């Protein structure tokens, strides 16, 4: 959304006048992962391993809510987080498998695929068991969605020992091919990769700032267009829920108002949308008139027409700095827009 130097100016001056209101905020860090909320993972048992288990008298069945579908185990995704661009992260599951031989049963549940560290773990009773390793895998995209297929699973030393002792066999060996997995997780959020937030200061605010002699200059890589009076801030990351219109978007660059630098611009969406900087919250965002467009094919997100209204702290600081009463809490000083591309 547009970061206009209008609100920056007010904030900067506000800070100069009321330094005690400054709130330290960590520098923006790019967010590349999204939280998972659903989907499923399908595991197809290696044929040779399946035959070896059958010969040893060991059966493998899904544990609810896991299902057997077409000879493959299907587990619902329950959580975790991944980078949608490369599927690296963790994928957690509900259900699992139960291995049985006679009266002996071993239930492995709550499987986690760590596609970054290439590991598989599960719960065995109350303990976490290192099941084995992952290798390979091909990532594909379908709009904002990420899928990964062809993950090869191999049994690890710890799990092999646990299972051999439980069943009194030697069929489980470290490196044993377990099969291949394909995961299609679902997230309500999208990770923002890049883009630009633009602030357009309104004429009234621009005139007031000129009257008070405020000098505004962007801090690279932010830029300004003197002809239009716009400021452009590069988007560095964040996550957004396009349906609920919630989340946060981070930026690089900033704005100098006289000797005072403002940076770490964050657009915070949700029930009470705000605009924050390294000095804390400086404005509320009016989203009642916004226009939005989302293109899953290109993963483009565009938002325009957000009103930028200074808050009480910023208005008071501006008034103190310029010895005026011209700035009021809730006063709209700019409009903001953003054009972003999701990962």
C-alpha atoms as a PDB file:
ATOM      1  CA  UNK A   1       0.000   0.000   0.000  1.00  0.00           C
ATOM      2  CA  UNK A   2       1.265   3.484  -0.620  1.00  0.00           C
ATOM      3  CA  UNK A   3       3.691   4.875   1.854  1.00  0.00           C
ATOM      4  CA  UNK A   4       3.303   8.576   1.469  1.00  0.00           C
ATOM      5  CA  UNK A   5       5.759  10.963   2.843  1.00  0.00           C
ATOM      6  CA  UNK A   6       2.778  12.888   4.166  1.00  0.00           C
ATOM      7  CA  UNK A   7       2.319  10.491   7.033  1.00  0.00           C
ATOM      8  CA  UNK A   8       6.050   9.995   7.191  1.00  0.00           C
ATOM      9  CA  UNK A   9       6.514  13.732   7.534  1.00  0.00           C
ATOM     10  CA  UNK A  10       4.069  13.985  10.338  1.00  0.00           C
ATOM     11  CA  UNK A  11       5.596  10.992  12.031  1.00  0.00           C
ATOM     12  CA  UNK A  12       9.135  12.179  11.616  1.00  0.00           C
ATOM     13  CA  UNK A  13       8.439  15.586  12.976  1.00  0.00           C
ATOM     14  CA  UNK A  14       6.340  14.021  15.650  1.00  0.00           C
ATOM     15  CA  UNK A  15       9.275  11.979  16.723  1.00  0.00           C
ATOM     16  CA  UNK A  16      11.639  14.908  16.704  1.00  0.00           C
ATOM     17  CA  UNK A  17       9.258  16.808  18.953  1.00  0.00           C
ATOM     18  CA  UNK A  18       8.240  13.892  21.147  1.00  0.00           C
ATOM     19  CA  UNK A  19      11.174  11.545  21.226  1.00  0.00           C
ATOM     20  CA  UNK A  20       9.724   9.770  24.225  1.00  0.00           C
ATOM     21  CA  UNK A  21       6.997   8.328  21.992  1.00  0.00           C
ATOM     22  CA  UNK A  22       9.505   6.478  19.818  1.00  0.00           C
ATOM     23  CA  UNK A  23       9.130   2.708  20.029  1.00  0.00           C
ATOM     24  CA  UNK A  24      11.945   0.471  18.875  1.00  0.00           C
ATOM     25  CA  UNK A  25      10.807  -2.044  16.266  1.00  0.00           C
ATOM     26  CA  UNK A  26      13.045  -4.801  14.827  1.00  0.00           C
ATOM     27  CA  UNK A  27      14.236  -4.344  11.269  1.00  0.00           C
ATOM     28  CA  UNK A  28      12.007  -5.953   8.667  1.00  0.00           C
ATOM     29  CA  UNK A  29      12.851  -9.517   7.749  1.00  0.00           C
ATOM     30  CA  UNK A  30      11.540 -11.194   4.641  1.00  0.00           C
ATOM     31  CA  UNK A  31       8.962 -13.882   5.357  1.00  0.00           C
ATOM     32  CA  UNK A  32       9.084 -16.799   2.947  1.00  0.00           C
ATOM     33  CA  UNK A  33       6.914 -19.458   4.589  1.00  0.00           C
ATOM     34  CA  UNK A  34       3.186 -19.977   4.934  1.00  0.00           C
ATOM     35  CA  UNK A  35       1.310 -21.879   7.632  1.00  0.00           C
ATOM     36  CA  UNK A  36      -0.411 -25.062   6.495  1.00  0.00           C
ATOM     37  CA  UNK A  37      -4.034 -25.698   7.374  1.00  0.00           C
ATOM     38  CA  UNK A  38      -5.099 -28.722   5.324  1.00  0.00           C
ATOM     39  CA  UNK A  39      -4.503 -30.943   2.344  1.00  0.00           C
ATOM     40  CA  UNK A  40      -3.113 -34.459   2.332  1.00  0.00           C
ATOM     41  CA  UNK A  41      -0.019 -36.594   1.794  1.00  0.00           C
ATOM     42  CA  UNK A  42      -0.101 -39.931  -0.023  1.00  0.00           C
ATOM     43  CA  UNK A  43       2.438 -42.648   0.775  1.00  0.00           C
ATOM     44  CA  UNK A  44       2.799 -45.628  -1.516  1.00  0.00           C
ATOM     45  CA  UNK A  45       4.690 -48.491   0.161  1.00  0.00           C
ATOM     46  CA  UNK A  46       7.673 -49.917  -1.718  1.00  0.00           C
ATOM     47  CA  UNK A  47       6.637 -53.221  -3.343  1.00  0.00           C
ATOM     48  CA  UNK A  48       9.700 -55.194  -2.273  1.00  0.00           C
ATOM     49  CA  UNK A  49       9.397 -53.959   1.305  1.00  0.00           C
ATOM     50  CA  UNK A  50       5.674 -54.766   1.352  1.00  0.00           C
ATOM     51  CA  UNK A  51       6.381 -58.346   0.299  1.00  0.00           C
ATOM     52  CA  UNK A  52       9.120 -58.702   2.933  1.00  0.00           C
ATOM     53  CA  UNK A  53       6.777 -57.527   5.671  1.00  0.00           C
ATOM     54  CA  UNK A  54       4.045 -59.895   4.498  1.00  0.00           C
ATOM     55  CA  UNK A  55       6.507 -62.798   4.544  1.00  0.00           C
ATOM     56  CA  UNK A  56       7.443 -61.874   8.121  1.00  0.00           C
ATOM     57  CA  UNK A  57       3.767 -61.862   9.117  1.00  0.00           C
ATOM     58  CA  UNK A  58       3.610 -58.102   9.630  1.00  0.00           C
ATOM     59  CA  UNK A  59       0.628 -56.129   8.370  1.00  0.00           C
ATOM     60  CA  UNK A  60       0.441 -52.384   7.827  1.00  0.00           C
ATOM     61  CA  UNK A  61      -2.860 -50.532   8.113  1.00  0.00           C
ATOM     62  CA  UNK A  62      -3.774 -46.839   8.332  1.00  0.00           C
ATOM     63  CA  UNK A  63      -4.741 -45.257  11.649  1.00  0.00           C
ATOM     64  CA  UNK A  64      -7.720 -42.892  11.543  1.00  0.00           C
ATOM     65  CA  UNK A  65      -8.183 -40.363  10.122  1.00  0.00           C
ATOM     66  CA  UNK A  66      -5.636 -41.859   7.723  1.00  0.00           C
ATOM     67  CA  UNK A  67      -7.131 -43.901   4.897  1.00  0.00           C
ATOM     68  CA  UNK A  68      -6.182 -46.621   2.462  1.00  0.00           C
ATOM     69  CA  UNK A  69      -6.937 -45.313  -1.008  1.00  0.00           C
ATOM     70  CA  UNK A  70      -6.049 -47.405  -4.044  1.00  0.00           C
ATOM     71  CA  UNK A  71      -3.428 -49.324  -2.093  1.00  0.00           C
ATOM     72  CA  UNK A  72      -1.775 -46.150  -0.796  1.00  0.00           C
ATOM     73  CA  UNK A  73      -1.848 -44.526   2.629  1.00  0.00           C
ATOM     74  CA  UNK A  74      -3.446 -41.067   2.676  1.00  0.00           C
ATOM     75  CA  UNK A  75      -2.818 -38.832   5.708  1.00  0.00           C
ATOM     76  CA  UNK A  76      -4.536 -35.474   6.285  1.00  0.00           C
ATOM     77  CA  UNK A  77      -2.178 -32.520   6.705  1.00  0.00           C
ATOM     78  CA  UNK A  78      -2.746 -30.910  10.116  1.00  0.00           C
ATOM     79  CA  UNK A  79      -0.210 -28.089  10.161  1.00  0.00           C
ATOM     80  CA  UNK A  80       3.360 -27.042   9.661  1.00  0.00           C
ATOM     81  CA  UNK A  81       4.800 -24.408   7.349  1.00  0.00           C
ATOM     82  CA  UNK A  82       6.620 -24.393   4.020  1.00  0.00           C
ATOM     83  CA  UNK A  83       8.193 -22.009   1.558  1.00  0.00           C
ATOM     84  CA  UNK A  84       5.684 -22.222  -1.304  1.00  0.00           C
ATOM     85  CA  UNK A  85       8.421 -21.642  -3.881  1.00  0.00           C
ATOM     86  CA  UNK A  86      10.365 -24.819  -3.049  1.00  0.00           C
ATOM     87  CA  UNK A  87       8.193 -26.722  -0.511  1.00  0.00           C
ATOM     88  CA  UNK A  88      10.968 -26.598   2.101  1.00  0.00           C
ATOM     89  CA  UNK A  89       9.709 -26.703   5.660  1.00  0.00           C
ATOM     90  CA  UNK A  90       7.627 -29.035   7.804  1.00  0.00           C
ATOM     91  CA  UNK A  91       4.405 -30.849   6.942  1.00  0.00           C
ATOM     92  CA  UNK A  92       2.536 -32.276   9.939  1.00  0.00           C
ATOM     93  CA  UNK A  93      -0.154 -34.948   9.733  1.00  0.00           C
ATOM     94  CA  UNK A  94      -3.034 -36.515  11.607  1.00  0.00           C
ATOM     95  CA  UNK A  95      -3.459 -40.269  11.799  1.00  0.00           C
ATOM     96  CA  UNK A  96      -0.668 -42.662  10.859  1.00  0.00           C
ATOM     97  CA  UNK A  97      -0.024 -46.374  10.472  1.00  0.00           C
ATOM     98  CA  UNK A  98      -0.339 -49.414  12.698  1.00  0.00           C
ATOM     99  CA  UNK A  99       2.025 -52.340  12.209  1.00  0.00           C
ATOM    100  CA  UNK A 100       0.735 -55.648  13.594  1.00  0.00           C
ATOM    101  CA  UNK A 101       2.061 -59.173  14.080  1.00  0.00           C
ATOM    102  CA  UNK A 102      -0.162 -61.396  16.150  1.00  0.00           C
ATOM    103  CA  UNK A 103      -0.992 -59.528  19.333  1.00  0.00           C
ATOM    104  CA  UNK A 104       1.897 -57.113  18.945  1.00  0.00           C
ATOM    105  CA  UNK A 105       0.987 -53.719  17.553  1.00  0.00           C
ATOM    106  CA  UNK A 106       3.094 -50.619  16.984  1.00  0.00           C
ATOM    107  CA  UNK A 107       1.264 -47.406  16.139  1.00  0.00           C
ATOM    108  CA  UNK A 108       3.181 -44.588  14.476  1.00  0.00           C
ATOM    109  CA  UNK A 109       1.183 -41.365  14.402  1.00  0.00           C
ATOM    110  CA  UNK A 110       1.555 -37.609  13.875  1.00  0.00           C
ATOM    111  CA  UNK A 111       4.042 -37.958  11.031  1.00  0.00           C
ATOM    112  CA  UNK A 112       6.146 -34.897  10.177  1.00  0.00           C
ATOM    113  CA  UNK A 113       7.919 -34.553   6.856  1.00  0.00           C
ATOM    114  CA  UNK A 114      10.775 -32.082   7.172  1.00  0.00           C
ATOM    115  CA  UNK A 115      11.483 -31.304   3.540  1.00  0.00           C
ATOM    116  CA  UNK A 116      14.235 -28.875   4.478  1.00  0.00           C
ATOM    117  CA  UNK A 117      16.247 -31.238   6.665  1.00  0.00           C
ATOM    118  CA  UNK A 118      15.095 -34.262   4.620  1.00  0.00           C
ATOM    119  CA  UNK A 119      13.847 -36.204   7.634  1.00  0.00           C
ATOM    120  CA  UNK A 120      10.703 -38.077   8.681  1.00  0.00           C
ATOM    121  CA  UNK A 121       9.551 -38.364  12.288  1.00  0.00           C
ATOM    122  CA  UNK A 122       6.484 -39.728  14.058  1.00  0.00           C
ATOM    123  CA  UNK A 123       5.047 -40.336  17.484  1.00  0.00           C
ATOM    124  CA  UNK A 124       5.463 -43.798  18.986  1.00  0.00           C
ATOM    125  CA  UNK A 125       3.401 -43.602  22.139  1.00  0.00           C
ATOM    126  CA  UNK A 126       4.547 -40.423  23.876  1.00  0.00           C
ATOM    127  CA  UNK A 127       7.986 -40.441  22.276  1.00  0.00           C
ATOM    128  CA  UNK A 128       9.104 -38.900  19.008  1.00  0.00           C
ATOM    129  CA  UNK A 129      10.757 -41.441  16.734  1.00  0.00           C
ATOM    130  CA  UNK A 130      13.207 -40.571  13.971  1.00  0.00           C
ATOM    131  CA  UNK A 131      11.571 -42.698  11.282  1.00  0.00           C
ATOM    132  CA  UNK A 132      14.030 -42.060   8.476  1.00  0.00           C
ATOM    133  CA  UNK A 133      15.137 -39.827   5.629  1.00  0.00           C
ATOM    134  CA  UNK A 134      13.727 -38.140   2.528  1.00  0.00           C
ATOM    135  CA  UNK A 135      15.347 -37.663  -0.850  1.00  0.00           C
ATOM    136  CA  UNK A 136      14.351 -36.466  -4.287  1.00  0.00           C
ATOM    137  CA  UNK A 137      11.005 -34.821  -4.893  1.00  0.00           C
ATOM    138  CA  UNK A 138       9.654 -32.553  -7.618  1.00  0.00           C
ATOM    139  CA  UNK A 139       7.845 -29.318  -6.776  1.00  0.00           C
ATOM    140  CA  UNK A 140       4.986 -28.044  -8.941  1.00  0.00           C
ATOM    141  CA  UNK A 141       2.759 -24.983  -8.593  1.00  0.00           C
ATOM    142  CA  UNK A 142      -0.945 -24.548  -9.217  1.00  0.00           C
ATOM    143  CA  UNK A 143      -1.622 -20.879  -8.652  1.00  0.00           C
ATOM    144  CA  UNK A 144      -0.771 -20.109  -5.029  1.00  0.00           C
ATOM    145  CA  UNK A 145      -0.744 -23.828  -4.157  1.00  0.00           C
ATOM    146  CA  UNK A 146       2.424 -25.912  -3.873  1.00  0.00           C
ATOM    147  CA  UNK A 147       2.688 -29.640  -4.468  1.00  0.00           C
ATOM    148  CA  UNK A 148       5.657 -31.968  -4.082  1.00  0.00           C
ATOM    149  CA  UNK A 149       5.789 -35.507  -5.478  1.00  0.00           C
ATOM    150  CA  UNK A 150       8.321 -38.298  -5.787  1.00  0.00           C
ATOM    151  CA  UNK A 151       9.754 -38.014  -2.277  1.00  0.00           C
ATOM    152  CA  UNK A 152      11.646 -41.209  -1.519  1.00  0.00           C
ATOM    153  CA  UNK A 153      11.445 -42.451   2.076  1.00  0.00           C
ATOM    154  CA  UNK A 154      14.071 -44.671   3.681  1.00  0.00           C
ATOM    155  CA  UNK A 155      14.002 -46.200   7.143  1.00  0.00           C
ATOM    156  CA  UNK A 156      16.467 -44.850   9.706  1.00  0.00           C
ATOM    157  CA  UNK A 157      18.607 -46.698  12.246  1.00  0.00           C
ATOM    158  CA  UNK A 158      16.555 -45.676  15.282  1.00  0.00           C
ATOM    159  CA  UNK A 159      13.215 -46.765  13.839  1.00  0.00           C
ATOM    160  CA  UNK A 160      14.680 -50.001  12.487  1.00  0.00           C
ATOM    161  CA  UNK A 161      15.933 -50.934  15.951  1.00  0.00           C
ATOM    162  CA  UNK A 162      12.639 -50.075  17.653  1.00  0.00           C
ATOM    163  CA  UNK A 163      10.574 -52.124  15.184  1.00  0.00           C
ATOM    164  CA  UNK A 164      12.899 -55.143  15.178  1.00  0.00           C
ATOM    165  CA  UNK A 165      12.815 -55.277  18.987  1.00  0.00           C
ATOM    166  CA  UNK A 166       9.052 -54.837  19.119  1.00  0.00           C
ATOM    167  CA  UNK A 167       8.343 -57.698  16.709  1.00  0.00           C
ATOM    168  CA  UNK A 168      11.389 -59.878  17.418  1.00  0.00           C
ATOM    169  CA  UNK A 169      12.509 -59.800  13.774  1.00  0.00           C
ATOM    170  CA  UNK A 170      15.402 -58.550  11.655  1.00  0.00           C
ATOM    171  CA  UNK A 171      13.437 -57.447   8.625  1.00  0.00           C
ATOM    172  CA  UNK A 172      13.793 -53.752   9.397  1.00  0.00           C
ATOM    173  CA  UNK A 173      17.165 -52.371   8.343  1.00  0.00           C
ATOM    174  CA  UNK A 174      18.588 -48.882   8.176  1.00  0.00           C
ATOM    175  CA  UNK A 175      18.224 -47.619   4.609  1.00  0.00           C
ATOM    176  CA  UNK A 176      15.257 -49.880   3.844  1.00  0.00           C
ATOM    177  CA  UNK A 177      13.143 -48.325   1.082  1.00  0.00           C
ATOM    178  CA  UNK A 178       9.765 -47.452   2.573  1.00  0.00           C
ATOM    179  CA  UNK A 179       8.186 -46.027  -0.571  1.00  0.00           C
ATOM    180  CA  UNK A 180       7.397 -42.701  -2.173  1.00  0.00           C
ATOM    181  CA  UNK A 181       5.324 -39.795  -0.920  1.00  0.00           C
ATOM    182  CA  UNK A 182       3.413 -37.009  -2.633  1.00  0.00           C
ATOM    183  CA  UNK A 183       2.086 -34.087  -0.633  1.00  0.00           C
ATOM    184  CA  UNK A 184      -0.502 -31.466  -1.584  1.00  0.00           C
ATOM    185  CA  UNK A 185      -0.744 -29.184   1.469  1.00  0.00           C
ATOM    186  CA  UNK A 186      -3.146 -26.260   1.692  1.00  0.00           C
ATOM    187  CA  UNK A 187      -2.548 -22.842   3.224  1.00  0.00           C
ATOM    188  CA  UNK A 188      -4.947 -19.975   3.833  1.00  0.00           C
ATOM    189  CA  UNK A 189      -2.043 -17.555   3.458  1.00  0.00           C
ATOM    190  CA  UNK A 190       0.232 -16.556   0.618  1.00  0.00           C
ATOM    191  CA  UNK A 191       3.845 -15.458   1.065  1.00  0.00           C
ATOM    192  CA  UNK A 192       4.674 -12.138  -0.548  1.00  0.00           C
ATOM    193  CA  UNK A 193       7.868 -12.225  -2.594  1.00  0.00           C
ATOM    194  CA  UNK A 194       8.266  -8.761  -4.089  1.00  0.00           C
ATOM    195  CA  UNK A 195       6.435  -5.698  -5.310  1.00  0.00           C
ATOM    196  CA  UNK A 196       5.970  -2.016  -4.546  1.00  0.00           C
ATOM    197  CA  UNK A 197       3.909  -0.006  -2.099  1.00  0.00           C
ATOM    198  CA  UNK A 198       3.100   3.517  -3.244  1.00  0.00           C
ATOM    199  CA  UNK A 199       2.010   6.469  -1.123  1.00  0.00           C
ATOM    200  CA  UNK A 200       0.279   9.439  -2.703  1.00  0.00           C
ATOM    201  CA  UNK A 201       0.124  12.408  -0.351  1.00  0.00           C
ATOM    202  CA  UNK A 202      -3.008  14.491  -0.751  1.00  0.00           C
ATOM    203  CA  UNK A 203      -2.883  18.133  -1.832  1.00  0.00           C
ATOM    204  CA  UNK A 204      -3.920  19.569   1.522  1.00  0.00           C
ATOM    205  CA  UNK A 205      -1.188  17.728   3.409  1.00  0.00           C
ATOM    206  CA  UNK A 206       1.418  18.526   0.765  1.00  0.00           C
ATOM    207  CA  UNK A 207       0.580  22.214   1.030  1.00  0.00           C
ATOM    208  CA  UNK A 208       0.794  22.150   4.819  1.00  0.00           C
ATOM    209  CA  UNK A 209       4.176  20.462   4.763  1.00  0.00           C
ATOM    210  CA  UNK A 210       5.531  23.006   2.285  1.00  0.00           C
ATOM    211  CA  UNK A 211       4.213  25.809   4.473  1.00  0.00           C
ATOM    212  CA  UNK A 212       6.084  24.398   7.446  1.00  0.00           C
ATOM    213  CA  UNK A 213       9.283  23.913   5.421  1.00  0.00           C
ATOM    214  CA  UNK A 214       9.382  20.140   5.717  1.00  0.00           C
ATOM    215  CA  UNK A 215      11.953  18.561   3.404  1.00  0.00           C
ATOM    216  CA  UNK A 216      11.142  15.008   2.357  1.00  0.00           C
ATOM    217  CA  UNK A 217      13.664  12.656   0.747  1.00  0.00           C
ATOM    218  CA  UNK A 218      13.389   8.887   0.176  1.00  0.00           C
ATOM    219  CA  UNK A 219      15.967   6.537   1.674  1.00  0.00           C
ATOM    220  CA  UNK A 220      17.213   4.066  -0.944  1.00  0.00           C
ATOM    221  CA  UNK A 221      16.027   1.748  -2.278  1.00  0.00           C
ATOM    222  CA  UNK A 222      12.797   3.740  -1.838  1.00  0.00           C
ATOM    223  CA  UNK A 223      12.289   6.323  -4.587  1.00  0.00           C
ATOM    224  CA  UNK A 224      10.137   9.369  -5.279  1.00  0.00           C
ATOM    225  CA  UNK A 225       8.496  10.948  -8.299  1.00  0.00           C
ATOM    226  CA  UNK A 226       8.695  14.713  -7.924  1.00  0.00           C
ATOM    227  CA  UNK A 227       6.181  15.277 -10.732  1.00  0.00           C
ATOM    228  CA  UNK A 228       3.426  13.207  -9.090  1.00  0.00           C
ATOM    229  CA  UNK A 229       4.458  13.545  -5.463  1.00  0.00           C
ATOM    230  CA  UNK A 230       4.530   9.797  -4.976  1.00  0.00           C
ATOM    231  CA  UNK A 231       6.849   7.655  -2.865  1.00  0.00           C
ATOM    232  CA  UNK A 232       7.644   4.065  -3.830  1.00  0.00           C
ATOM    233  CA  UNK A 233       8.771   1.481  -1.276  1.00  0.00           C
ATOM    234  CA  UNK A 234      10.074  -1.956  -2.361  1.00  0.00           C
ATOM    235  CA  UNK A 235       8.214  -4.860  -0.753  1.00  0.00           C
ATOM    236  CA  UNK A 236      10.542  -7.367   0.903  1.00  0.00           C
ATOM    237  CA  UNK A 237       8.118  -9.996   2.187  1.00  0.00           C
ATOM    238  CA  UNK A 238       5.226 -10.810   4.468  1.00  0.00           C
ATOM    239  CA  UNK A 239       2.193 -13.070   4.447  1.00  0.00           C
ATOM    240  CA  UNK A 240      -1.370 -12.238   3.490  1.00  0.00           C
ATOM    241  CA  UNK A 241      -4.653 -14.097   3.692  1.00  0.00           C
ATOM    242  CA  UNK A 242      -6.409 -12.914   0.506  1.00  0.00           C
ATOM    243  CA  UNK A 243      -9.815 -14.131   1.709  1.00  0.00           C
ATOM    244  CA  UNK A 244      -9.788 -12.605   5.194  1.00  0.00           C
ATOM    245  CA  UNK A 245      -7.573  -9.743   4.034  1.00  0.00           C
ATOM    246  CA  UNK A 246      -5.256 -10.103   7.014  1.00  0.00           C
ATOM    247  CA  UNK A 247      -1.504 -10.339   7.484  1.00  0.00           C
ATOM    248  CA  UNK A 248       1.477  -8.007   7.209  1.00  0.00           C
ATOM    249  CA  UNK A 249       3.738  -6.715   4.436  1.00  0.00           C
ATOM    250  CA  UNK A 250       7.300  -5.521   5.028  1.00  0.00           C
ATOM    251  CA  UNK A 251       9.398  -3.045   3.046  1.00  0.00           C
ATOM    252  CA  UNK A 252      12.909  -1.743   2.530  1.00  0.00           C
ATOM    253  CA  UNK A 253      14.020   1.864   2.277  1.00  0.00           C
ATOM    254  CA  UNK A 254      12.474   4.700   4.161  1.00  0.00           C
ATOM    255  CA  UNK A 255      12.077   8.455   4.297  1.00  0.00           C
ATOM    256  CA  UNK A 256      14.165  11.329   5.626  1.00  0.00           C
ATOM    257  CA  UNK A 257      12.192  14.246   7.005  1.00  0.00           C
ATOM    258  CA  UNK A 258      14.901  16.744   7.673  1.00  0.00           C
ATOM    259  CA  UNK A 259      17.550  14.976   9.770  1.00  0.00           C
ATOM    260  CA  UNK A 260      15.151  12.267  10.958  1.00  0.00           C
ATOM    261  CA  UNK A 261      15.169   8.901   9.129  1.00  0.00           C
ATOM    262  CA  UNK A 262      12.050   6.712   9.110  1.00  0.00           C
ATOM    263  CA  UNK A 263      12.359   3.071   8.087  1.00  0.00           C
ATOM    264  CA  UNK A 264      10.989  -0.448   8.595  1.00  0.00           C
ATOM    265  CA  UNK A 265       7.643   0.287   6.997  1.00  0.00           C
ATOM    266  CA  UNK A 266       5.071  -2.437   7.744  1.00  0.00           C
ATOM    267  CA  UNK A 267       1.504  -2.553   6.461  1.00  0.00           C
ATOM    268  CA  UNK A 268      -0.548  -4.506   9.001  1.00  0.00           C
ATOM    269  CA  UNK A 269      -3.875  -5.868   7.770  1.00  0.00           C
ATOM    270  CA  UNK A 270      -6.707  -7.337   9.797  1.00  0.00           C
ATOM    271  CA  UNK A 271      -9.442  -6.061  12.095  1.00  0.00           C
ATOM    272  CA  UNK A 272      -7.558  -2.787  12.760  1.00  0.00           C
ATOM    273  CA  UNK A 273      -5.244  -2.092   9.802  1.00  0.00           C
ATOM    274  CA  UNK A 274      -2.267   0.101  10.674  1.00  0.00           C
ATOM    275  CA  UNK A 275       0.939   1.484   9.248  1.00  0.00           C
ATOM    276  CA  UNK A 276       4.050   1.166  11.423  1.00  0.00           C
ATOM    277  CA  UNK A 277       7.677   2.262  11.136  1.00  0.00           C
ATOM    278  CA  UNK A 278      10.820   2.049  13.266  1.00  0.00           C
ATOM    279  CA  UNK A 279       9.037   4.563  15.510  1.00  0.00           C
ATOM    280  CA  UNK A 280       5.934   2.451  16.051  1.00  0.00           C
ATOM    281  CA  UNK A 281       2.374   2.845  14.769  1.00  0.00           C
ATOM    282  CA  UNK A 282       1.868   6.139  12.935  1.00  0.00           C
ATOM    283  CA  UNK A 283      -1.368   5.750  11.004  1.00  0.00           C
ATOM    284  CA  UNK A 284      -4.571   3.784  10.641  1.00  0.00           C
ATOM    285  CA  UNK A 285      -5.589   2.437   7.244  1.00  0.00           C
ATOM    286  CA  UNK A 286      -9.101   3.001   5.913  1.00  0.00           C
ATOM    287  CA  UNK A 287      -9.906   0.032   3.670  1.00  0.00           C
ATOM    288  CA  UNK A 288     -13.564   0.929   3.070  1.00  0.00           C
ATOM    289  CA  UNK A 289     -12.888   2.248  -0.451  1.00  0.00           C
ATOM    290  CA  UNK A 290     -10.197  -0.123  -1.630  1.00  0.00           C
ATOM    291  CA  UNK A 291     -10.161  -1.991  -4.907  1.00  0.00           C
ATOM    292  CA  UNK A 292      -8.533  -5.409  -5.054  1.00  0.00           C
ATOM    293  CA  UNK A 293      -7.555  -7.951  -7.668  1.00  0.00           C
ATOM    294  CA  UNK A 294      -5.956 -11.367  -7.225  1.00  0.00           C
ATOM    295  CA  UNK A 295      -4.664 -13.457 -10.128  1.00  0.00           C
ATOM    296  CA  UNK A 296      -3.771 -17.000  -8.996  1.00  0.00           C
ATOM    297  CA  UNK A 297      -2.207 -17.771 -12.383  1.00  0.00           C
ATOM    298  CA  UNK A 298       0.478 -15.095 -12.039  1.00  0.00           C
ATOM    299  CA  UNK A 299       0.208 -14.927  -8.230  1.00  0.00           C
ATOM    300  CA  UNK A 300      -0.305 -11.167  -8.521  1.00  0.00           C
ATOM    301  CA  UNK A 301      -2.079  -9.207  -5.773  1.00  0.00           C
ATOM    302  CA  UNK A 302      -3.116  -5.583  -6.290  1.00  0.00           C
ATOM    303  CA  UNK A 303      -4.773  -3.262  -3.783  1.00  0.00           C
ATOM    304  CA  UNK A 304      -5.600   0.400  -4.336  1.00  0.00           C
ATOM    305  CA  UNK A 305      -7.350   3.309  -2.653  1.00  0.00           C
ATOM    306  CA  UNK A 306      -6.499   2.738   1.013  1.00  0.00           C
ATOM    307  CA  UNK A 307      -6.812   5.892   3.076  1.00  0.00           C
ATOM    308  CA  UNK A 308      -3.873   6.734   5.370  1.00  0.00           C
ATOM    309  CA  UNK A 309      -5.116   8.475   8.523  1.00  0.00           C
ATOM    310  CA  UNK A 310      -2.643   9.742  11.104  1.00  0.00           C
ATOM    311  CA  UNK A 311      -3.152   8.560  14.670  1.00  0.00           C
ATOM    312  CA  UNK A 312      -3.253  10.684  17.829  1.00  0.00           C
ATOM    313  CA  UNK A 313       0.411  10.257  18.673  1.00  0.00           C
ATOM    314  CA  UNK A 314       1.584  11.272  15.206  1.00  0.00           C
ATOM    315  CA  UNK A 315      -0.835  14.214  15.012  1.00  0.00           C
ATOM    316  CA  UNK A 316       0.230  15.510  18.416  1.00  0.00           C
ATOM    317  CA  UNK A 317       3.912  15.204  17.587  1.00  0.00           C
ATOM    318  CA  UNK A 318       3.461  17.007  14.263  1.00  0.00           C
ATOM    319  CA  UNK A 319       1.558  19.814  15.898  1.00  0.00           C
ATOM    320  CA  UNK A 320       4.239  20.162  18.554  1.00  0.00           C
ATOM    321  CA  UNK A 321       7.034  20.147  15.990  1.00  0.00           C
ATOM    322  CA  UNK A 322       5.438  22.782  13.766  1.00  0.00           C
ATOM    323  CA  UNK A 323       3.732  24.733  16.573  1.00  0.00           C
ATOM    324  CA  UNK A 324       0.343  24.343  14.984  1.00  0.00           C
ATOM    325  CA  UNK A 325      -2.999  22.662  15.509  1.00  0.00           C
ATOM    326  CA  UNK A 326      -3.449  21.780  11.849  1.00  0.00           C
ATOM    327  CA  UNK A 327      -2.947  18.032  12.273  1.00  0.00           C
ATOM    328  CA  UNK A 328      -5.777  16.012  13.822  1.00  0.00           C
ATOM    329  CA  UNK A 329      -6.071  12.349  14.724  1.00  0.00           C
ATOM    330  CA  UNK A 330      -8.017  10.553  12.005  1.00  0.00           C
ATOM    331  CA  UNK A 331      -7.042  13.102   9.359  1.00  0.00           C
ATOM    332  CA  UNK A 332      -6.476  11.466   5.986  1.00  0.00           C
ATOM    333  CA  UNK A 333      -3.154  12.632   4.614  1.00  0.00           C
ATOM    334  CA  UNK A 334      -2.545  10.148   1.796  1.00  0.00           C
ATOM    335  CA  UNK A 335      -3.825   7.164  -0.149  1.00  0.00           C
ATOM    336  CA  UNK A 336      -1.892   3.948  -0.483  1.00  0.00           C
ATOM    337  CA  UNK A 337      -1.709   1.166  -3.055  1.00  0.00           C
ATOM    338  CA  UNK A 338       0.349  -1.952  -3.532  1.00  0.00           C
ATOM    339  CA  UNK A 339       1.254  -4.266  -6.369  1.00  0.00           C
ATOM    340  CA  UNK A 340       2.761  -7.516  -5.126  1.00  0.00           C
ATOM    341  CA  UNK A 341       3.796 -10.917  -6.436  1.00  0.00           C
ATOM    342  CA  UNK A 342       3.464 -13.926  -4.153  1.00  0.00           C
ATOM    343  CA  UNK A 343       6.071 -16.679  -3.932  1.00  0.00           C
END
